[in-house]
């Protein structure tokens, strides 16, 4: 079992619930969104979706539905007759028939639609109605993620390719693979009950993770495993050892940003924050659950209950009976100001979250001042700071080779000439006090200065989706692996700020 943002379906047959007390939903958020949060519920074989507050009206989408998915502004249904329908935009009519019959599985992701007819895989990308490309692999399971496609063949080989939809498979493992997941530049897979993972290029080495694994999930920088003995282990950061035991006796789990939800003895528990955070029981005797953003949903006795905000009490009964499947979709924000929750949605685990959050007010102001406010500009800027400093305003460079003039702050300003430049620009003597470059007062303004004054074409390069040029402007030591890592950071942020999908345009990752 690997879990990667698909709708969850109740494991038990739904039965009509006794009336549950309805709890009024919290007040509307003051934030501005490109698209409000959505909730989808399968009511028997009828798909219903609502957008906005938890008390918004349901809109019937389609009947005869066996599976469904929300992704960005798209809704897809696989009908009992094998037809696959997709629409985009609002929740009104407007289905496009991707395939008329024989579809057995599908996935939406990043502007692509992948679907299987038995062991044949087809993918289309861009606008609805685009060319459908048959993939040259026999498929038992598949996943699309960014510009990557992964397939598990019936004989247990895991193949992955990236880029366009033409040939180019790389064999990750042909040793009886039983399951896999792609997440950004990471690939995890099981050989029997043995979990392996790799990150970076497709030919990167795989690292032994854990044995006795029944289920697993990648989420940002986190890895979660459910072991045969019912223990739930999670770690954050790199792929080396460092598991934290979240609980024992677990039967299902989900990671979402810094939240962990898991089922123990039929009851849903959840925690948020660090891996050592306390867990709180959410609801007893549930049939299914989902997490996304600040919302939690459960199906209990056929009723759909949803809450938002913290993990305390506050359920709202969104559907009273006959719910058999649910998916939450967090709102797509306007992308004006960045929050810690945004960063956790984009990258999963964020180290030193208190420090990162403390620096965001000044960072958002610097982005406003530098006109770093479009999805592409924000993505390039955030990706660069993620790579340079982990998005910490107070970060000091570990490498001491530059001594007094080592890197400091969000953008790791370094070298004596740059400290002289910022002294001249800001009117503060950084030559005498270089540590001031890693303070709340100056760290973000220095990052903005470098982006718009020292390298005045950074926004232009971001507009052109030329992350290679941005990387050249930063000027770190030549490293194709680092180029790829930064480009992956850029794509993850761009997908988020761009409404859940990458633009239908080429992204250059080659540094120049």
Protein backbone atom coordinates (compact mmCIF):
# COMPACT_ATOMS: atom_id res chain seq x y z
CA UNK A 1 0.00 0.00 0.00
CA UNK A 2 1.40 3.35 -1.05
CA UNK A 3 -0.71 6.47 -0.71
CA UNK A 4 -0.41 9.48 -3.02
CA UNK A 5 -3.41 11.80 -2.81
CA UNK A 6 -6.13 9.62 -4.22
CA UNK A 7 -9.68 9.62 -2.85
CA UNK A 8 -10.30 7.24 0.02
CA UNK A 9 -13.18 4.81 -0.05
CA UNK A 10 -14.88 3.37 2.99
CA UNK A 11 -13.63 -0.13 3.67
CA UNK A 12 -16.97 -1.17 5.15
CA UNK A 13 -20.40 -1.03 3.55
CA UNK A 14 -22.05 2.25 4.44
CA UNK A 15 -25.12 2.08 6.66
CA UNK A 16 -27.55 4.85 7.46
CA UNK A 17 -26.36 6.77 10.49
CA UNK A 18 -28.44 8.07 13.33
CA UNK A 19 -28.73 11.82 13.12
CA UNK A 20 -25.53 13.47 14.29
CA UNK A 21 -25.54 16.97 15.73
CA UNK A 22 -24.57 19.51 13.09
CA UNK A 23 -21.83 21.90 14.18
CA UNK A 24 -21.68 25.28 12.52
CA UNK A 25 -18.54 25.71 10.42
CA UNK A 26 -15.97 28.33 11.36
CA UNK A 27 -16.18 31.76 9.81
CA UNK A 28 -14.86 32.31 6.31
CA UNK A 29 -11.15 32.91 5.90
CA UNK A 30 -9.97 36.41 5.07
CA UNK A 31 -7.41 35.06 2.60
CA UNK A 32 -7.91 35.36 -1.15
CA UNK A 33 -7.87 32.21 -3.26
CA UNK A 34 -7.65 31.40 -6.94
CA UNK A 35 -9.97 28.52 -6.06
CA UNK A 36 -11.74 27.78 -2.80
CA UNK A 37 -11.31 24.45 -1.02
CA UNK A 38 -13.28 21.55 -2.46
CA UNK A 39 -14.82 18.45 -0.92
CA UNK A 40 -15.91 15.48 -3.03
CA UNK A 41 -18.08 12.65 -1.73
CA UNK A 42 -19.27 9.50 -3.40
CA UNK A 43 -22.89 9.02 -2.37
CA UNK A 44 -23.66 5.52 -3.56
CA UNK A 45 -22.62 5.85 -7.22
CA UNK A 46 -23.34 9.60 -7.42
CA UNK A 47 -20.41 12.03 -7.16
CA UNK A 48 -21.16 15.27 -5.36
CA UNK A 49 -18.70 18.17 -4.93
CA UNK A 50 -18.86 21.42 -2.99
CA UNK A 51 -16.52 24.41 -3.11
CA UNK A 52 -15.90 26.99 -0.41
CA UNK A 53 -17.12 26.71 3.17
CA UNK A 54 -17.98 23.40 4.75
CA UNK A 55 -21.65 24.41 4.67
CA UNK A 56 -21.63 25.24 0.94
CA UNK A 57 -24.23 23.49 -1.20
CA UNK A 58 -23.40 20.19 -2.84
CA UNK A 59 -23.42 20.09 -6.64
CA UNK A 60 -24.21 16.74 -8.23
CA UNK A 61 -21.55 15.89 -10.81
CA UNK A 62 -22.27 12.48 -12.30
CA UNK A 63 -23.97 9.15 -11.59
CA UNK A 64 -22.75 5.64 -12.29
CA UNK A 65 -19.36 6.54 -10.78
CA UNK A 66 -16.98 3.87 -9.52
CA UNK A 67 -13.93 6.13 -8.95
CA UNK A 68 -13.19 9.86 -8.95
CA UNK A 69 -10.39 12.36 -8.37
CA UNK A 70 -9.96 16.09 -7.78
CA UNK A 71 -6.73 17.74 -8.97
CA UNK A 72 -6.32 21.50 -9.22
CA UNK A 73 -9.38 22.79 -11.09
CA UNK A 74 -10.12 19.41 -12.65
CA UNK A 75 -12.61 16.71 -11.70
CA UNK A 76 -12.46 13.22 -13.18
CA UNK A 77 -14.76 10.22 -12.93
CA UNK A 78 -14.37 6.62 -14.03
CA UNK A 79 -17.84 5.29 -14.68
CA UNK A 80 -19.11 1.76 -14.24
CA UNK A 81 -19.29 1.40 -18.05
CA UNK A 82 -15.51 2.00 -18.27
CA UNK A 83 -15.71 5.54 -19.64
CA UNK A 84 -13.38 8.25 -18.29
CA UNK A 85 -14.77 11.80 -18.08
CA UNK A 86 -12.83 14.94 -17.08
CA UNK A 87 -13.84 18.58 -16.74
CA UNK A 88 -12.03 21.70 -15.60
CA UNK A 89 -13.02 25.07 -14.21
CA UNK A 90 -16.16 25.47 -12.13
CA UNK A 91 -18.42 22.67 -10.96
CA UNK A 92 -21.09 23.20 -13.61
CA UNK A 93 -21.66 20.96 -16.65
CA UNK A 94 -18.88 20.45 -19.17
CA UNK A 95 -17.54 16.90 -19.18
CA UNK A 96 -14.99 15.88 -21.80
CA UNK A 97 -14.90 12.17 -22.62
CA UNK A 98 -11.26 11.10 -22.54
CA UNK A 99 -12.10 7.47 -23.37
CA UNK A 100 -15.47 5.91 -24.06
CA UNK A 101 -14.97 2.44 -22.55
CA UNK A 102 -12.55 -0.18 -21.19
CA UNK A 103 -10.72 2.16 -18.78
CA UNK A 104 -9.62 0.26 -15.67
CA UNK A 105 -7.64 2.92 -13.76
CA UNK A 106 -6.62 6.58 -14.11
CA UNK A 107 -4.78 9.48 -12.48
CA UNK A 108 -4.72 13.28 -12.91
CA UNK A 109 -1.56 15.21 -12.10
CA UNK A 110 0.18 18.40 -13.25
CA UNK A 111 -1.92 18.88 -16.39
CA UNK A 112 -1.54 15.25 -17.42
CA UNK A 113 -4.17 12.52 -17.56
CA UNK A 114 -2.99 8.91 -17.43
CA UNK A 115 -5.28 5.94 -17.80
CA UNK A 116 -5.02 2.21 -18.30
CA UNK A 117 -7.03 -0.14 -20.44
CA UNK A 118 -6.00 -3.42 -18.89
CA UNK A 119 -2.20 -3.51 -19.23
CA UNK A 120 -2.01 -0.67 -21.79
CA UNK A 121 -1.16 2.82 -20.52
CA UNK A 122 -2.16 6.05 -22.27
CA UNK A 123 -1.27 9.64 -21.30
CA UNK A 124 -2.44 13.01 -22.56
CA UNK A 125 -1.15 16.39 -21.40
CA UNK A 126 -2.15 20.02 -21.71
CA UNK A 127 -5.66 21.04 -22.71
CA UNK A 128 -8.50 18.55 -22.64
CA UNK A 129 -8.67 16.95 -26.06
CA UNK A 130 -4.89 16.88 -26.51
CA UNK A 131 -3.08 14.05 -28.24
CA UNK A 132 -3.25 10.71 -26.42
CA UNK A 133 0.12 8.92 -26.38
CA UNK A 134 0.29 5.16 -25.91
CA UNK A 135 3.18 4.24 -23.59
CA UNK A 136 5.51 1.45 -24.68
CA UNK A 137 5.31 -0.62 -21.51
CA UNK A 138 3.08 -3.38 -20.17
CA UNK A 139 1.54 -2.04 -16.98
CA UNK A 140 0.29 -3.55 -13.73
CA UNK A 141 0.39 -0.20 -11.89
CA UNK A 142 1.36 3.36 -12.85
CA UNK A 143 1.82 6.88 -11.47
CA UNK A 144 2.48 10.32 -12.95
CA UNK A 145 4.30 13.00 -10.93
CA UNK A 146 5.57 16.25 -12.42
CA UNK A 147 7.27 15.29 -15.68
CA UNK A 148 7.91 11.73 -14.49
CA UNK A 149 5.98 8.58 -15.34
CA UNK A 150 6.45 5.37 -13.38
CA UNK A 151 5.14 1.91 -14.22
CA UNK A 152 5.27 -1.42 -12.46
CA UNK A 153 5.21 -4.24 -14.99
CA UNK A 154 3.44 -7.56 -14.39
CA UNK A 155 6.81 -9.31 -14.00
CA UNK A 156 7.88 -6.99 -11.15
CA UNK A 157 10.09 -4.42 -12.92
CA UNK A 158 9.86 -0.74 -11.95
CA UNK A 159 10.43 1.62 -14.90
CA UNK A 160 10.51 5.43 -14.68
CA UNK A 161 11.07 8.12 -17.29
CA UNK A 162 11.01 11.91 -17.24
CA UNK A 163 10.48 14.68 -19.75
CA UNK A 164 8.15 14.22 -22.69
CA UNK A 165 5.88 11.25 -23.30
CA UNK A 166 8.16 9.52 -25.80
CA UNK A 167 10.46 6.54 -25.11
CA UNK A 168 13.13 6.71 -22.44
CA UNK A 169 12.43 4.27 -19.61
CA UNK A 170 15.05 3.76 -16.91
CA UNK A 171 14.89 0.51 -14.95
CA UNK A 172 14.91 1.41 -11.25
CA UNK A 173 14.64 -2.22 -10.13
CA UNK A 174 13.75 -5.51 -11.78
CA UNK A 175 13.91 -7.53 -8.58
CA UNK A 176 10.24 -8.46 -7.99
CA UNK A 177 8.97 -4.97 -7.13
CA UNK A 178 5.54 -5.11 -5.52
CA UNK A 179 4.62 -1.42 -5.09
CA UNK A 180 6.07 2.06 -5.65
CA UNK A 181 5.50 5.80 -5.30
CA UNK A 182 6.96 8.90 -6.98
CA UNK A 183 7.16 12.16 -5.00
CA UNK A 184 9.03 15.14 -6.47
CA UNK A 185 12.52 13.72 -7.19
CA UNK A 186 12.13 10.75 -4.86
CA UNK A 187 11.19 7.19 -5.77
CA UNK A 188 10.24 4.59 -3.17
CA UNK A 189 9.47 0.96 -3.86
CA UNK A 190 9.08 -2.37 -2.13
CA UNK A 191 10.65 -5.66 -3.10
CA UNK A 192 8.39 -7.97 -1.15
CA UNK A 193 8.29 -6.33 2.30
CA UNK A 194 11.63 -4.52 1.87
CA UNK A 195 11.42 -0.75 1.26
CA UNK A 196 14.01 1.08 -0.83
CA UNK A 197 14.16 4.76 -1.82
CA UNK A 198 16.26 7.07 -3.96
CA UNK A 199 16.30 10.78 -4.75
CA UNK A 200 17.68 12.99 -7.47
CA UNK A 201 18.51 11.65 -10.91
CA UNK A 202 16.88 8.47 -12.17
CA UNK A 203 20.22 6.64 -11.99
CA UNK A 204 20.79 7.63 -8.35
CA UNK A 205 21.53 4.72 -6.00
CA UNK A 206 18.69 3.25 -3.96
CA UNK A 207 19.03 3.34 -0.18
CA UNK A 208 17.78 0.58 2.10
CA UNK A 209 14.94 1.98 4.26
CA UNK A 210 13.19 -0.75 6.25
CA UNK A 211 12.07 -4.38 6.20
CA UNK A 212 8.77 -5.91 7.29
CA UNK A 213 6.89 -3.12 5.49
CA UNK A 214 3.18 -3.46 4.77
CA UNK A 215 2.56 0.09 3.51
CA UNK A 216 4.52 3.28 2.90
CA UNK A 217 4.19 6.90 1.77
CA UNK A 218 6.47 9.71 0.64
CA UNK A 219 5.37 13.25 1.47
CA UNK A 220 7.79 16.11 0.90
CA UNK A 221 10.92 15.29 2.90
CA UNK A 222 9.10 12.71 5.02
CA UNK A 223 8.89 8.94 4.64
CA UNK A 224 6.29 6.89 6.49
CA UNK A 225 6.12 3.11 6.81
CA UNK A 226 3.48 0.84 8.29
CA UNK A 227 5.13 -2.39 9.40
CA UNK A 228 3.70 -5.88 9.52
CA UNK A 229 3.59 -5.67 13.32
CA UNK A 230 1.35 -2.55 13.14
CA UNK A 231 4.03 -0.02 14.09
CA UNK A 232 4.01 3.31 12.23
CA UNK A 233 7.46 4.81 11.64
CA UNK A 234 8.12 8.25 10.11
CA UNK A 235 11.31 10.18 9.42
CA UNK A 236 12.08 13.57 7.88
CA UNK A 237 15.04 15.00 6.03
CA UNK A 238 17.35 12.78 4.00
CA UNK A 239 16.93 9.07 3.34
CA UNK A 240 19.39 7.93 5.97
CA UNK A 241 18.38 6.27 9.28
CA UNK A 242 16.34 8.27 11.77
CA UNK A 243 12.90 6.73 12.26
CA UNK A 244 10.50 8.01 14.91
CA UNK A 245 7.87 5.55 16.14
CA UNK A 246 4.52 7.34 15.95
CA UNK A 247 2.31 4.52 17.25
CA UNK A 248 1.74 0.76 17.33
CA UNK A 249 -1.33 -1.24 16.40
CA UNK A 250 -1.89 0.94 13.32
CA UNK A 251 -3.96 -0.30 10.36
CA UNK A 252 -3.85 2.74 8.03
CA UNK A 253 -2.13 6.14 7.87
CA UNK A 254 -1.65 9.27 5.79
CA UNK A 255 1.03 11.98 5.76
CA UNK A 256 0.05 15.50 4.68
CA UNK A 257 2.65 18.28 5.08
CA UNK A 258 3.48 18.23 8.82
CA UNK A 259 0.34 16.29 9.78
CA UNK A 260 0.14 12.56 10.37
CA UNK A 261 -3.20 10.78 10.55
CA UNK A 262 -3.50 7.12 11.47
CA UNK A 263 -6.11 4.54 12.43
CA UNK A 264 -5.69 2.44 15.55
CA UNK A 265 -8.39 0.00 16.66
CA UNK A 266 -10.79 1.69 14.24
CA UNK A 267 -10.20 5.16 15.75
CA UNK A 268 -8.56 8.08 13.91
CA UNK A 269 -5.64 9.82 15.61
CA UNK A 270 -3.69 12.81 14.28
CA UNK A 271 -0.70 14.96 15.14
CA UNK A 272 0.96 17.99 13.55
CA UNK A 273 4.34 19.63 13.77
CA UNK A 274 7.49 17.75 14.72
CA UNK A 275 7.65 13.99 14.76
CA UNK A 276 7.63 14.05 18.56
CA UNK A 277 4.37 16.04 18.70
CA UNK A 278 1.46 14.67 20.72
CA UNK A 279 -1.30 12.73 18.93
CA UNK A 280 -4.98 13.43 19.56
CA UNK A 281 -7.93 11.17 18.94
CA UNK A 282 -10.16 12.65 16.24
CA UNK A 283 -13.09 10.25 15.94
CA UNK A 284 -13.93 6.71 16.95
CA UNK A 285 -14.99 3.80 14.79
CA UNK A 286 -14.42 5.33 11.35
CA UNK A 287 -14.64 3.66 7.95
CA UNK A 288 -12.36 6.05 6.01
CA UNK A 289 -10.54 9.38 6.39
CA UNK A 290 -8.63 12.03 4.44
CA UNK A 291 -6.33 14.96 5.29
CA UNK A 292 -5.52 17.97 3.12
CA UNK A 293 -4.41 21.43 4.17
CA UNK A 294 -6.09 22.33 7.47
CA UNK A 295 -9.08 20.02 6.91
CA UNK A 296 -9.79 16.51 8.17
CA UNK A 297 -12.64 14.32 6.91
CA UNK A 298 -13.98 11.00 8.16
CA UNK A 299 -16.73 8.64 7.07
CA UNK A 300 -18.52 7.24 10.11
CA UNK A 301 -21.63 5.06 9.85
CA UNK A 302 -22.16 6.44 6.35
CA UNK A 303 -22.03 10.08 7.46
CA UNK A 304 -19.32 12.44 6.19
CA UNK A 305 -17.84 14.63 8.92
CA UNK A 306 -15.39 17.45 8.13
CA UNK A 307 -13.53 19.96 10.28
CA UNK A 308 -10.93 22.64 9.60
CA UNK A 309 -8.33 24.50 11.60
CA UNK A 310 -6.52 22.79 14.45
CA UNK A 311 -6.96 19.18 15.54
CA UNK A 312 -9.38 19.98 18.35
CA UNK A 313 -13.15 19.31 18.34
CA UNK A 314 -15.40 20.89 15.73
CA UNK A 315 -16.91 18.39 13.30
CA UNK A 316 -19.41 19.57 10.71
CA UNK A 317 -21.78 16.98 9.23
CA UNK A 318 -21.40 17.53 5.49
CA UNK A 319 -23.37 14.43 4.45
CA UNK A 320 -25.76 12.53 6.71
CA UNK A 321 -25.73 9.06 5.16
CA UNK A 322 -24.60 6.75 2.36
CA UNK A 323 -21.12 8.28 1.93
CA UNK A 324 -18.73 5.67 0.56
CA UNK A 325 -15.74 7.75 -0.57
CA UNK A 326 -14.27 11.19 0.11
CA UNK A 327 -11.50 13.49 -1.09
CA UNK A 328 -10.48 16.88 0.27
CA UNK A 329 -8.72 19.46 -1.89
CA UNK A 330 -7.09 22.42 -0.14
CA UNK A 331 -7.74 25.91 -1.52
CA UNK A 332 -5.49 27.23 -4.26
CA UNK A 333 -4.14 30.47 -2.87
CA UNK A 334 -3.64 33.66 -4.82
CA UNK A 335 0.08 33.42 -4.22
CA UNK A 336 0.52 36.92 -2.85
CA UNK A 337 2.01 36.13 0.56
CA UNK A 338 3.70 32.92 1.63
CA UNK A 339 2.88 31.18 4.91
CA UNK A 340 4.54 28.32 6.75
CA UNK A 341 1.56 26.17 5.78
CA UNK A 342 2.24 27.00 2.11
CA UNK A 343 5.86 25.90 2.44
CA UNK A 344 4.83 22.69 4.17
CA UNK A 345 2.29 21.98 1.44
CA UNK A 346 4.98 22.52 -1.20
CA UNK A 347 7.92 20.74 0.40
CA UNK A 348 6.51 18.66 3.23
CA UNK A 349 8.94 18.72 6.13
CA UNK A 350 10.41 22.16 6.90
CA UNK A 351 13.33 22.24 9.30
CA UNK A 352 13.34 24.82 12.14
CA UNK A 353 9.70 25.79 11.44
CA UNK A 354 9.61 28.41 14.21
CA UNK A 355 12.62 30.20 12.72
CA UNK A 356 11.23 29.94 9.19
CA UNK A 357 7.85 31.32 10.27
CA UNK A 358 9.50 34.18 12.18
CA UNK A 359 11.20 35.32 8.98
CA UNK A 360 8.17 35.23 6.69
CA UNK A 361 6.77 38.71 7.39
CA UNK A 362 10.03 40.34 6.33
CA UNK A 363 10.41 37.92 3.43
CA UNK A 364 6.91 38.66 2.10
CA UNK A 365 7.61 42.38 2.36
CA UNK A 366 10.84 41.92 0.42
CA UNK A 367 8.98 39.97 -2.26
CA UNK A 368 6.44 42.79 -2.57
CA UNK A 369 9.24 45.35 -2.77
CA UNK A 370 11.00 43.34 -5.48
CA UNK A 371 7.83 42.62 -7.50
CA UNK A 372 8.39 38.92 -6.84
CA UNK A 373 4.65 38.31 -6.89
CA UNK A 374 3.78 36.13 -9.89
CA UNK A 375 3.66 32.33 -9.53
CA UNK A 376 6.87 31.85 -11.54
CA UNK A 377 8.81 34.59 -9.74
CA UNK A 378 7.69 33.42 -6.32
CA UNK A 379 8.53 29.82 -7.20
CA UNK A 380 12.03 30.67 -8.43
CA UNK A 381 12.75 32.87 -5.40
CA UNK A 382 11.39 30.41 -2.83
CA UNK A 383 13.15 27.47 -4.52
CA UNK A 384 16.45 29.35 -4.45
CA UNK A 385 16.13 30.26 -0.77
CA UNK A 386 15.07 26.68 0.01
CA UNK A 387 18.34 25.48 -1.54
CA UNK A 388 20.53 28.24 -0.11
CA UNK A 389 19.36 28.49 3.49
CA UNK A 390 16.46 26.14 4.09
CA UNK A 391 14.35 29.35 4.13
CA UNK A 392 15.98 30.43 7.39
CA UNK A 393 16.74 34.12 7.81
CA UNK A 394 19.44 33.35 10.42
CA UNK A 395 21.30 30.63 8.54
CA UNK A 396 25.10 30.78 8.66
CA UNK A 397 27.18 28.83 6.16
CA UNK A 398 28.58 25.62 7.62
CA UNK A 399 31.62 25.77 5.32
CA UNK A 400 34.09 28.08 7.07
CA UNK A 401 36.52 28.33 4.13
CA UNK A 402 35.49 31.94 3.47
CA UNK A 403 36.01 32.80 7.12
CA UNK A 404 34.61 36.20 8.03
CA UNK A 405 32.96 36.52 4.60
CA UNK A 406 31.12 33.18 4.65
CA UNK A 407 27.50 32.92 3.54
CA UNK A 408 24.78 34.35 5.77
CA UNK A 409 21.04 34.90 5.69
CA UNK A 410 18.25 33.83 3.36
CA UNK A 411 20.38 34.03 0.22
CA UNK A 412 23.75 33.25 1.85
CA UNK A 413 25.45 36.49 0.86
CA UNK A 414 29.20 35.80 0.77
CA UNK A 415 32.61 37.20 -0.22
CA UNK A 416 34.05 40.51 0.93
CA UNK A 417 33.04 42.42 -2.20
CA UNK A 418 29.37 41.53 -1.71
CA UNK A 419 29.52 42.64 1.93
CA UNK A 420 30.97 45.93 0.66
CA UNK A 421 28.18 46.25 -1.92
CA UNK A 422 25.42 45.79 0.67
CA UNK A 423 27.24 48.20 3.00
CA UNK A 424 27.07 50.83 0.27
CA UNK A 425 23.45 50.01 -0.62
CA UNK A 426 21.90 49.81 2.85
CA UNK A 427 24.09 52.33 4.64
CA UNK A 428 24.99 49.86 7.39
CA UNK A 429 28.59 48.75 7.98
CA UNK A 430 28.41 45.03 7.20
CA UNK A 431 32.19 45.03 6.79
CA UNK A 432 32.46 45.65 10.52
CA UNK A 433 29.42 43.55 11.47
CA UNK A 434 28.85 40.82 8.83
CA UNK A 435 26.61 38.80 11.19
CA UNK A 436 23.94 41.49 10.75
CA UNK A 437 23.27 39.96 7.31
CA UNK A 438 21.56 37.08 9.14
CA UNK A 439 19.14 39.18 11.21
CA UNK A 440 15.43 39.83 10.74
CA UNK A 441 16.19 43.44 9.90
CA UNK A 442 18.49 42.75 6.96
CA UNK A 443 18.29 39.11 5.81
CA UNK A 444 15.21 39.45 3.56
CA UNK A 445 16.10 42.90 2.17
CA UNK A 446 19.54 41.55 1.21
CA UNK A 447 17.89 38.63 -0.62
CA UNK A 448 15.66 41.10 -2.48
CA UNK A 449 18.69 43.31 -3.28
CA UNK A 450 20.60 40.39 -4.75
CA UNK A 451 17.56 39.30 -6.80
CA UNK A 452 16.68 42.71 -8.25
CA UNK A 453 19.82 44.88 -8.01
CA UNK A 454 22.90 42.66 -8.08
CA UNK A 455 21.19 40.32 -10.59
CA UNK A 456 18.50 42.51 -12.17
CA UNK A 457 17.29 39.88 -14.69
CA UNK A 458 16.20 37.27 -12.13
CA UNK A 459 12.49 38.09 -12.45
CA UNK A 460 12.77 38.04 -16.24
CA UNK A 461 14.42 34.61 -16.17
CA UNK A 462 11.74 33.34 -13.79
CA UNK A 463 9.03 34.67 -16.13
CA UNK A 464 10.65 32.62 -18.91
CA UNK A 465 10.69 29.51 -16.67
CA UNK A 466 14.47 29.52 -17.07
CA UNK A 467 15.61 28.11 -13.75
CA UNK A 468 18.96 27.35 -15.34
CA UNK A 469 19.58 31.08 -15.82
CA UNK A 470 18.45 31.80 -12.25
CA UNK A 471 20.91 29.20 -10.97
CA UNK A 472 23.65 30.78 -13.08
CA UNK A 473 22.82 34.11 -11.48
CA UNK A 474 23.23 32.62 -8.01
CA UNK A 475 26.62 31.23 -9.00
CA UNK A 476 27.17 28.19 -6.80
CA UNK A 477 29.80 25.60 -7.69
CA UNK A 478 29.02 23.62 -10.85
CA UNK A 479 26.93 20.56 -10.03
CA UNK A 480 24.35 18.92 -12.34
CA UNK A 481 22.86 17.17 -9.30
CA UNK A 482 22.38 20.51 -7.53
CA UNK A 483 20.90 22.01 -10.71
CA UNK A 484 18.34 19.18 -10.80
CA UNK A 485 17.53 19.54 -7.10
CA UNK A 486 16.87 23.27 -7.42
CA UNK A 487 14.76 22.74 -10.51
CA UNK A 488 12.67 20.17 -8.64
CA UNK A 489 12.19 22.73 -5.85
CA UNK A 490 11.12 25.26 -8.51
CA UNK A 491 8.61 22.90 -10.12
CA UNK A 492 7.06 21.96 -6.79
CA UNK A 493 6.56 25.62 -5.84
CA UNK A 494 5.40 26.62 -9.32
CA UNK A 495 2.81 23.85 -9.37
CA UNK A 496 1.46 25.06 -6.03
CA UNK A 497 1.38 28.79 -6.82
CA UNK A 498 0.02 28.13 -10.31
CA UNK A 499 -3.18 26.50 -9.11
CA UNK A 500 -2.05 22.90 -8.80
CA UNK A 501 -0.65 22.47 -12.31
CA UNK A 502 2.58 23.28 -14.10
CA UNK A 503 2.25 25.75 -17.00
CA UNK A 504 1.97 24.27 -20.46
CA UNK A 505 5.44 25.50 -21.41
CA UNK A 506 9.02 24.25 -21.34
CA UNK A 507 10.97 24.63 -18.10
CA UNK A 508 14.72 24.92 -18.53
CA UNK A 509 16.70 23.20 -15.78
CA UNK A 510 20.13 23.38 -17.43
CA UNK A 511 22.33 25.96 -15.75
CA UNK A 512 23.89 28.54 -18.04
